[in-house]
PDB file of all heavy atoms in Angstrom:
ATOM      1  N   PRO A   1       1.408  10.363   1.623  1.00  0.00           N
ATOM      2  CA  PRO A   1       0.691   9.183   1.279  1.00  0.00           C
ATOM      3  C   PRO A   1       1.048   8.051   2.180  1.00  0.00           C
ATOM      4  O   PRO A   1       2.017   7.963   2.930  1.00  0.00           O
ATOM      5  CB  PRO A   1       1.271   8.908  -0.200  1.00  0.00           C
ATOM      6  CG  PRO A   1       2.642   9.447  -0.083  1.00  0.00           C
ATOM      7  CD  PRO A   1       2.568  10.652   0.789  1.00  0.00           C
ATOM      8  N   ILE A   2       0.190   6.981   2.031  1.00  0.00           N
ATOM      9  CA  ILE A   2       0.406   5.692   2.803  1.00  0.00           C
ATOM     10  C   ILE A   2       1.532   4.946   1.993  1.00  0.00           C
ATOM     11  O   ILE A   2       1.274   4.599   0.815  1.00  0.00           O
ATOM     12  CB  ILE A   2      -0.841   4.908   2.897  1.00  0.00           C
ATOM     13  CG1 ILE A   2      -1.890   5.683   3.780  1.00  0.00           C
ATOM     14  CG2 ILE A   2      -0.560   3.553   3.454  1.00  0.00           C
ATOM     15  CD1 ILE A   2      -1.770   5.523   5.275  1.00  0.00           C
ATOM     16  N   ALA A   3       2.595   4.588   2.673  1.00  0.00           N
ATOM     17  CA  ALA A   3       3.587   3.822   1.916  1.00  0.00           C
ATOM     18  C   ALA A   3       3.673   2.319   2.384  1.00  0.00           C
ATOM     19  O   ALA A   3       4.561   1.629   2.053  1.00  0.00           O
ATOM     20  CB  ALA A   3       4.995   4.458   2.290  1.00  0.00           C
ATOM     21  N   ASP A   4       2.660   1.918   3.129  1.00  0.00           N
ATOM     22  CA  ASP A   4       2.467   0.556   3.665  1.00  0.00           C
ATOM     23  C   ASP A   4       2.115  -0.404   2.502  1.00  0.00           C
ATOM     24  O   ASP A   4       1.281  -0.023   1.717  1.00  0.00           O
ATOM     25  CB  ASP A   4       1.476   0.422   4.715  1.00  0.00           C
ATOM     26  CG  ASP A   4       1.785   1.308   5.940  1.00  0.00           C
ATOM     27  OD1 ASP A   4       3.052   1.358   6.313  1.00  0.00           O
ATOM     28  OD2 ASP A   4       1.029   2.060   6.400  1.00  0.00           O
ATOM     29  N   VAL A   5       2.777  -1.569   2.400  1.00  0.00           N
ATOM     30  CA  VAL A   5       2.403  -2.547   1.406  1.00  0.00           C
ATOM     31  C   VAL A   5       1.448  -3.596   2.006  1.00  0.00           C
ATOM     32  O   VAL A   5       1.808  -4.310   2.857  1.00  0.00           O
ATOM     33  CB  VAL A   5       3.592  -3.260   0.889  1.00  0.00           C
ATOM     34  CG1 VAL A   5       3.266  -4.238  -0.179  1.00  0.00           C
ATOM     35  CG2 VAL A   5       4.626  -2.219   0.320  1.00  0.00           C
ATOM     36  N   ASN A   6       0.144  -3.625   1.625  1.00  0.00           N
ATOM     37  CA  ASN A   6      -0.864  -4.311   2.299  1.00  0.00           C
ATOM     38  C   ASN A   6      -0.866  -5.740   1.764  1.00  0.00           C
ATOM     39  O   ASN A   6      -1.602  -6.099   0.889  1.00  0.00           O
ATOM     40  CB  ASN A   6      -2.274  -3.727   2.116  1.00  0.00           C
ATOM     41  CG  ASN A   6      -3.200  -4.294   3.057  1.00  0.00           C
ATOM     42  OD1 ASN A   6      -3.207  -3.859   4.225  1.00  0.00           O
ATOM     43  ND2 ASN A   6      -4.157  -5.145   2.740  1.00  0.00           N
ATOM     44  N   VAL A   7       0.043  -6.630   2.326  1.00  0.00           N
ATOM     45  CA  VAL A   7       0.078  -7.974   1.886  1.00  0.00           C
ATOM     46  C   VAL A   7      -0.730  -8.952   2.749  1.00  0.00           C
ATOM     47  O   VAL A   7      -0.808 -10.124   2.503  1.00  0.00           O
ATOM     48  CB  VAL A   7       1.591  -8.429   1.906  1.00  0.00           C
ATOM     49  CG1 VAL A   7       2.334  -7.757   0.824  1.00  0.00           C
ATOM     50  CG2 VAL A   7       2.282  -8.290   3.296  1.00  0.00           C
ATOM     51  N   ASP A   8      -1.403  -8.514   3.753  1.00  0.00           N
ATOM     52  CA  ASP A   8      -2.208  -9.239   4.608  1.00  0.00           C
ATOM     53  C   ASP A   8      -3.679  -8.787   4.336  1.00  0.00           C
ATOM     54  O   ASP A   8      -4.078  -7.738   4.671  1.00  0.00           O
ATOM     55  CB  ASP A   8      -1.873  -9.022   6.129  1.00  0.00           C
ATOM     56  CG  ASP A   8      -2.657  -9.943   7.049  1.00  0.00           C
ATOM     57  OD1 ASP A   8      -3.680 -10.513   6.584  1.00  0.00           O
ATOM     58  OD2 ASP A   8      -2.280 -10.079   8.179  1.00  0.00           O
ATOM     59  N   ALA A   9      -4.509  -9.724   3.776  1.00  0.00           N
ATOM     60  CA  ALA A   9      -5.995  -9.438   3.479  1.00  0.00           C
ATOM     61  C   ALA A   9      -6.714  -9.221   4.700  1.00  0.00           C
ATOM     62  O   ALA A   9      -7.696  -8.553   4.758  1.00  0.00           O
ATOM     63  CB  ALA A   9      -6.527 -10.537   2.658  1.00  0.00           C
ATOM     64  N   GLY A  10      -6.150  -9.683   5.890  1.00  0.00           N
ATOM     65  CA  GLY A  10      -6.852  -9.497   7.200  1.00  0.00           C
ATOM     66  C   GLY A  10      -6.419  -8.291   7.932  1.00  0.00           C
ATOM     67  O   GLY A  10      -6.715  -8.142   9.149  1.00  0.00           O
ATOM     68  N   ASN A  11      -5.640  -7.374   7.356  1.00  0.00           N
ATOM     69  CA  ASN A  11      -5.067  -6.216   7.963  1.00  0.00           C
ATOM     70  C   ASN A  11      -6.306  -5.333   8.434  1.00  0.00           C
ATOM     71  O   ASN A  11      -7.012  -4.846   7.524  1.00  0.00           O
ATOM     72  CB  ASN A  11      -4.161  -5.496   7.070  1.00  0.00           C
ATOM     73  CG  ASN A  11      -3.393  -4.364   7.753  1.00  0.00           C
ATOM     74  OD1 ASN A  11      -3.890  -3.645   8.727  1.00  0.00           O
ATOM     75  ND2 ASN A  11      -2.150  -4.235   7.400  1.00  0.00           N
ATOM     76  N   PRO A  12      -6.524  -5.103   9.689  1.00  0.00           N
ATOM     77  CA  PRO A  12      -7.597  -4.337  10.117  1.00  0.00           C
ATOM     78  C   PRO A  12      -7.601  -2.845  10.064  1.00  0.00           C
ATOM     79  O   PRO A  12      -8.585  -2.146  10.161  1.00  0.00           O
ATOM     80  CB  PRO A  12      -7.887  -4.837  11.502  1.00  0.00           C
ATOM     81  CG  PRO A  12      -6.448  -4.978  12.042  1.00  0.00           C
ATOM     82  CD  PRO A  12      -5.736  -5.599  10.890  1.00  0.00           C
ATOM     83  N   VAL A  13      -6.363  -2.316   9.868  1.00  0.00           N
ATOM     84  CA  VAL A  13      -6.215  -0.843   9.939  1.00  0.00           C
ATOM     85  C   VAL A  13      -5.625  -0.217   8.755  1.00  0.00           C
ATOM     86  O   VAL A  13      -5.880   0.953   8.569  1.00  0.00           O
ATOM     87  CB  VAL A  13      -5.160  -0.568  11.251  1.00  0.00           C
ATOM     88  CG1 VAL A  13      -3.851  -1.176  10.842  1.00  0.00           C
ATOM     89  CG2 VAL A  13      -5.060   0.913  11.511  1.00  0.00           C
ATOM     90  N   ILE A  14      -4.998  -0.944   7.805  1.00  0.00           N
ATOM     91  CA  ILE A  14      -4.473  -0.435   6.574  1.00  0.00           C
ATOM     92  C   ILE A  14      -5.416  -0.653   5.419  1.00  0.00           C
ATOM     93  O   ILE A  14      -6.192   0.172   5.004  1.00  0.00           O
ATOM     94  CB  ILE A  14      -3.010  -0.870   6.267  1.00  0.00           C
ATOM     95  CG1 ILE A  14      -2.070  -0.521   7.463  1.00  0.00           C
ATOM     96  CG2 ILE A  14      -2.551  -0.157   5.017  1.00  0.00           C
ATOM     97  CD1 ILE A  14      -2.051   0.992   7.781  1.00  0.00           C
ATOM     98  N   GLY A  15      -5.401  -1.919   4.992  1.00  0.00           N
ATOM     99  CA  GLY A  15      -6.357  -2.232   3.924  1.00  0.00           C
ATOM    100  C   GLY A  15      -6.353  -1.377   2.717  1.00  0.00           C
ATOM    101  O   GLY A  15      -5.230  -1.161   2.070  1.00  0.00           O
ATOM    102  N   VAL A  16      -7.501  -0.710   2.403  1.00  0.00           N
ATOM    103  CA  VAL A  16      -7.690   0.106   1.220  1.00  0.00           C
ATOM    104  C   VAL A  16      -6.871   1.423   1.303  1.00  0.00           C
ATOM    105  O   VAL A  16      -6.759   2.204   0.364  1.00  0.00           O
ATOM    106  CB  VAL A  16      -9.137   0.449   0.766  1.00  0.00           C
ATOM    107  CG1 VAL A  16      -9.799  -0.756   0.382  1.00  0.00           C
ATOM    108  CG2 VAL A  16      -9.965   1.124   1.985  1.00  0.00           C
ATOM    109  N   ARG A  17      -6.361   1.689   2.478  1.00  0.00           N
ATOM    110  CA  ARG A  17      -5.507   2.865   2.600  1.00  0.00           C
ATOM    111  C   ARG A  17      -4.179   2.646   1.940  1.00  0.00           C
ATOM    112  O   ARG A  17      -3.389   3.714   1.802  1.00  0.00           O
ATOM    113  CB  ARG A  17      -5.374   3.238   4.100  1.00  0.00           C
ATOM    114  CG  ARG A  17      -6.605   3.461   4.861  1.00  0.00           C
ATOM    115  CD  ARG A  17      -6.434   3.566   6.380  1.00  0.00           C
ATOM    116  NE  ARG A  17      -5.552   4.581   6.792  1.00  0.00           N
ATOM    117  CZ  ARG A  17      -4.836   4.600   7.955  1.00  0.00           C
ATOM    118  NH1 ARG A  17      -5.090   3.627   8.797  1.00  0.00           N
ATOM    119  NH2 ARG A  17      -4.028   5.579   8.251  1.00  0.00           N
ATOM    120  N   SER A  18      -3.809   1.464   1.648  1.00  0.00           N
ATOM    121  CA  SER A  18      -2.563   1.185   0.909  1.00  0.00           C
ATOM    122  C   SER A  18      -2.795   1.148  -0.607  1.00  0.00           C
ATOM    123  O   SER A  18      -3.930   0.818  -1.030  1.00  0.00           O
ATOM    124  CB  SER A  18      -2.031  -0.254   1.345  1.00  0.00           C
ATOM    125  OG  SER A  18      -1.085  -0.728   0.439  1.00  0.00           O
ATOM    126  N   PHE A  19      -1.804   1.432  -1.312  1.00  0.00           N
ATOM    127  CA  PHE A  19      -1.832   1.371  -2.865  1.00  0.00           C
ATOM    128  C   PHE A  19      -2.016  -0.132  -3.276  1.00  0.00           C
ATOM    129  O   PHE A  19      -2.487  -0.370  -4.402  1.00  0.00           O
ATOM    130  CB  PHE A  19      -0.624   2.042  -3.428  1.00  0.00           C
ATOM    131  CG  PHE A  19      -0.599   3.473  -3.325  1.00  0.00           C
ATOM    132  CD1 PHE A  19       0.335   4.075  -2.541  1.00  0.00           C
ATOM    133  CD2 PHE A  19      -1.492   4.325  -3.942  1.00  0.00           C
ATOM    134  CE1 PHE A  19       0.385   5.474  -2.370  1.00  0.00           C
ATOM    135  CE2 PHE A  19      -1.459   5.630  -3.812  1.00  0.00           C
ATOM    136  CZ  PHE A  19      -0.550   6.218  -3.053  1.00  0.00           C
ATOM    137  N   GLY A  20      -1.585  -1.137  -2.483  1.00  0.00           N
ATOM    138  CA  GLY A  20      -1.746  -2.496  -2.941  1.00  0.00           C
ATOM    139  C   GLY A  20      -0.689  -3.331  -2.298  1.00  0.00           C
ATOM    140  O   GLY A  20      -0.040  -3.030  -1.308  1.00  0.00           O
ATOM    141  N   ALA A  21      -0.591  -4.577  -2.866  1.00  0.00           N
ATOM    142  CA  ALA A  21       0.327  -5.563  -2.358  1.00  0.00           C
ATOM    143  C   ALA A  21       1.652  -5.746  -3.025  1.00  0.00           C
ATOM    144  O   ALA A  21       2.481  -6.622  -2.637  1.00  0.00           O
ATOM    145  CB  ALA A  21      -0.463  -6.933  -2.377  1.00  0.00           C
ATOM    146  N   ASP A  22       1.868  -4.965  -4.111  1.00  0.00           N
ATOM    147  CA  ASP A  22       3.099  -5.084  -4.856  1.00  0.00           C
ATOM    148  C   ASP A  22       4.032  -3.940  -4.450  1.00  0.00           C
ATOM    149  O   ASP A  22       3.716  -2.771  -4.734  1.00  0.00           O
ATOM    150  CB  ASP A  22       2.852  -5.027  -6.308  1.00  0.00           C
ATOM    151  CG  ASP A  22       4.042  -4.986  -7.201  1.00  0.00           C
ATOM    152  OD1 ASP A  22       5.026  -5.720  -6.788  1.00  0.00           O
ATOM    153  OD2 ASP A  22       4.131  -4.290  -8.127  1.00  0.00           O
ATOM    154  N   PRO A  23       5.162  -4.294  -3.848  1.00  0.00           N
ATOM    155  CA  PRO A  23       6.016  -3.121  -3.453  1.00  0.00           C
ATOM    156  C   PRO A  23       6.421  -2.268  -4.526  1.00  0.00           C
ATOM    157  O   PRO A  23       6.568  -1.054  -4.265  1.00  0.00           O
ATOM    158  CB  PRO A  23       7.330  -3.973  -2.960  1.00  0.00           C
ATOM    159  CG  PRO A  23       6.767  -5.343  -2.565  1.00  0.00           C
ATOM    160  CD  PRO A  23       5.733  -5.656  -3.585  1.00  0.00           C
ATOM    161  N   ALA A  24       6.666  -2.701  -5.728  1.00  0.00           N
ATOM    162  CA  ALA A  24       7.007  -1.741  -6.855  1.00  0.00           C
ATOM    163  C   ALA A  24       5.894  -0.784  -7.142  1.00  0.00           C
ATOM    164  O   ALA A  24       6.268   0.295  -7.397  1.00  0.00           O
ATOM    165  CB  ALA A  24       7.374  -2.569  -8.043  1.00  0.00           C
ATOM    166  N   LEU A  25       4.628  -1.359  -7.168  1.00  0.00           N
ATOM    167  CA  LEU A  25       3.565  -0.476  -7.527  1.00  0.00           C
ATOM    168  C   LEU A  25       3.323   0.556  -6.355  1.00  0.00           C
ATOM    169  O   LEU A  25       3.143   1.744  -6.579  1.00  0.00           O
ATOM    170  CB  LEU A  25       2.243  -1.293  -7.668  1.00  0.00           C
ATOM    171  CG  LEU A  25       0.971  -0.443  -7.752  1.00  0.00           C
ATOM    172  CD1 LEU A  25       0.992   0.252  -9.021  1.00  0.00           C
ATOM    173  CD2 LEU A  25      -0.271  -1.347  -7.651  1.00  0.00           C
ATOM    174  N   VAL A  26       3.366   0.106  -5.062  1.00  0.00           N
ATOM    175  CA  VAL A  26       3.309   0.989  -3.986  1.00  0.00           C
ATOM    176  C   VAL A  26       4.382   2.018  -4.020  1.00  0.00           C
ATOM    177  O   VAL A  26       4.130   3.235  -3.745  1.00  0.00           O
ATOM    178  CB  VAL A  26       3.230   0.263  -2.658  1.00  0.00           C
ATOM    179  CG1 VAL A  26       3.193   1.204  -1.455  1.00  0.00           C
ATOM    180  CG2 VAL A  26       2.064  -0.741  -2.636  1.00  0.00           C
ATOM    181  N   ALA A  27       5.607   1.695  -4.298  1.00  0.00           N
ATOM    182  CA  ALA A  27       6.694   2.659  -4.391  1.00  0.00           C
ATOM    183  C   ALA A  27       6.494   3.712  -5.462  1.00  0.00           C
ATOM    184  O   ALA A  27       6.702   4.894  -5.143  1.00  0.00           O
ATOM    185  CB  ALA A  27       8.047   1.927  -4.637  1.00  0.00           C
ATOM    186  N   ARG A  28       6.068   3.302  -6.654  1.00  0.00           N
ATOM    187  CA  ARG A  28       5.802   4.211  -7.738  1.00  0.00           C
ATOM    188  C   ARG A  28       4.732   5.261  -7.364  1.00  0.00           C
ATOM    189  O   ARG A  28       4.988   6.440  -7.647  1.00  0.00           O
ATOM    190  CB  ARG A  28       5.385   3.490  -9.046  1.00  0.00           C
ATOM    191  CG  ARG A  28       6.449   2.779  -9.778  1.00  0.00           C
ATOM    192  CD  ARG A  28       6.092   2.419 -11.133  1.00  0.00           C
ATOM    193  NE  ARG A  28       4.886   1.585 -11.191  1.00  0.00           N
ATOM    194  CZ  ARG A  28       5.004   0.167 -11.137  1.00  0.00           C
ATOM    195  NH1 ARG A  28       6.192  -0.380 -10.940  1.00  0.00           N
ATOM    196  NH2 ARG A  28       3.851  -0.520 -11.208  1.00  0.00           N
ATOM    197  N   LEU A  29       3.616   4.745  -6.805  1.00  0.00           N
ATOM    198  CA  LEU A  29       2.541   5.680  -6.524  1.00  0.00           C
ATOM    199  C   LEU A  29       2.860   6.563  -5.298  1.00  0.00           C
ATOM    200  O   LEU A  29       2.454   7.695  -5.202  1.00  0.00           O
ATOM    201  CB  LEU A  29       1.240   4.902  -6.363  1.00  0.00           C
ATOM    202  CG  LEU A  29       0.845   4.103  -7.608  1.00  0.00           C
ATOM    203  CD1 LEU A  29      -0.571   3.447  -7.356  1.00  0.00           C
ATOM    204  CD2 LEU A  29       0.769   4.931  -8.745  1.00  0.00           C
ATOM    205  N   THR A  30       3.602   6.018  -4.357  1.00  0.00           N
ATOM    206  CA  THR A  30       4.009   6.745  -3.215  1.00  0.00           C
ATOM    207  C   THR A  30       4.839   7.989  -3.666  1.00  0.00           C
ATOM    208  O   THR A  30       4.670   9.097  -3.283  1.00  0.00           O
ATOM    209  CB  THR A  30       4.811   5.960  -2.249  1.00  0.00           C
ATOM    210  OG1 THR A  30       3.893   4.939  -1.628  1.00  0.00           O
ATOM    211  CG2 THR A  30       5.303   6.812  -1.035  1.00  0.00           C
ATOM    212  N   ALA A  31       5.868   7.679  -4.496  1.00  0.00           N
ATOM    213  CA  ALA A  31       6.715   8.727  -5.069  1.00  0.00           C
ATOM    214  C   ALA A  31       5.928   9.775  -5.819  1.00  0.00           C
ATOM    215  O   ALA A  31       6.171  10.944  -5.717  1.00  0.00           O
ATOM    216  CB  ALA A  31       7.840   8.128  -5.811  1.00  0.00           C
ATOM    217  N   ALA A  32       4.974   9.267  -6.644  1.00  0.00           N
ATOM    218  CA  ALA A  32       4.143  10.239  -7.435  1.00  0.00           C
ATOM    219  C   ALA A  32       3.359  11.103  -6.498  1.00  0.00           C
ATOM    220  O   ALA A  32       3.285  12.403  -6.800  1.00  0.00           O
ATOM    221  CB  ALA A  32       3.178   9.367  -8.339  1.00  0.00           C
ATOM    222  N   GLN A  33       2.807  10.638  -5.402  1.00  0.00           N
ATOM    223  CA  GLN A  33       2.102  11.518  -4.573  1.00  0.00           C
ATOM    224  C   GLN A  33       2.950  12.455  -3.848  1.00  0.00           C
ATOM    225  O   GLN A  33       2.604  13.604  -3.478  1.00  0.00           O
ATOM    226  CB  GLN A  33       1.185  10.625  -3.626  1.00  0.00           C
ATOM    227  CG  GLN A  33       0.066   9.931  -4.381  1.00  0.00           C
ATOM    228  CD  GLN A  33      -1.241   9.986  -3.666  1.00  0.00           C
ATOM    229  OE1 GLN A  33      -1.383   9.624  -2.416  1.00  0.00           O
ATOM    230  NE2 GLN A  33      -2.309  10.506  -4.361  1.00  0.00           N
TER     231      GLN A  33
END
């Protein structure tokens, strides 16, 4: 999975490939995958 935390709305390469902007949420879903 993508473990990047997308905190920049202007990110041209990650964006929706990330679980989101909250590190805790991204960590939980990364581990689940």
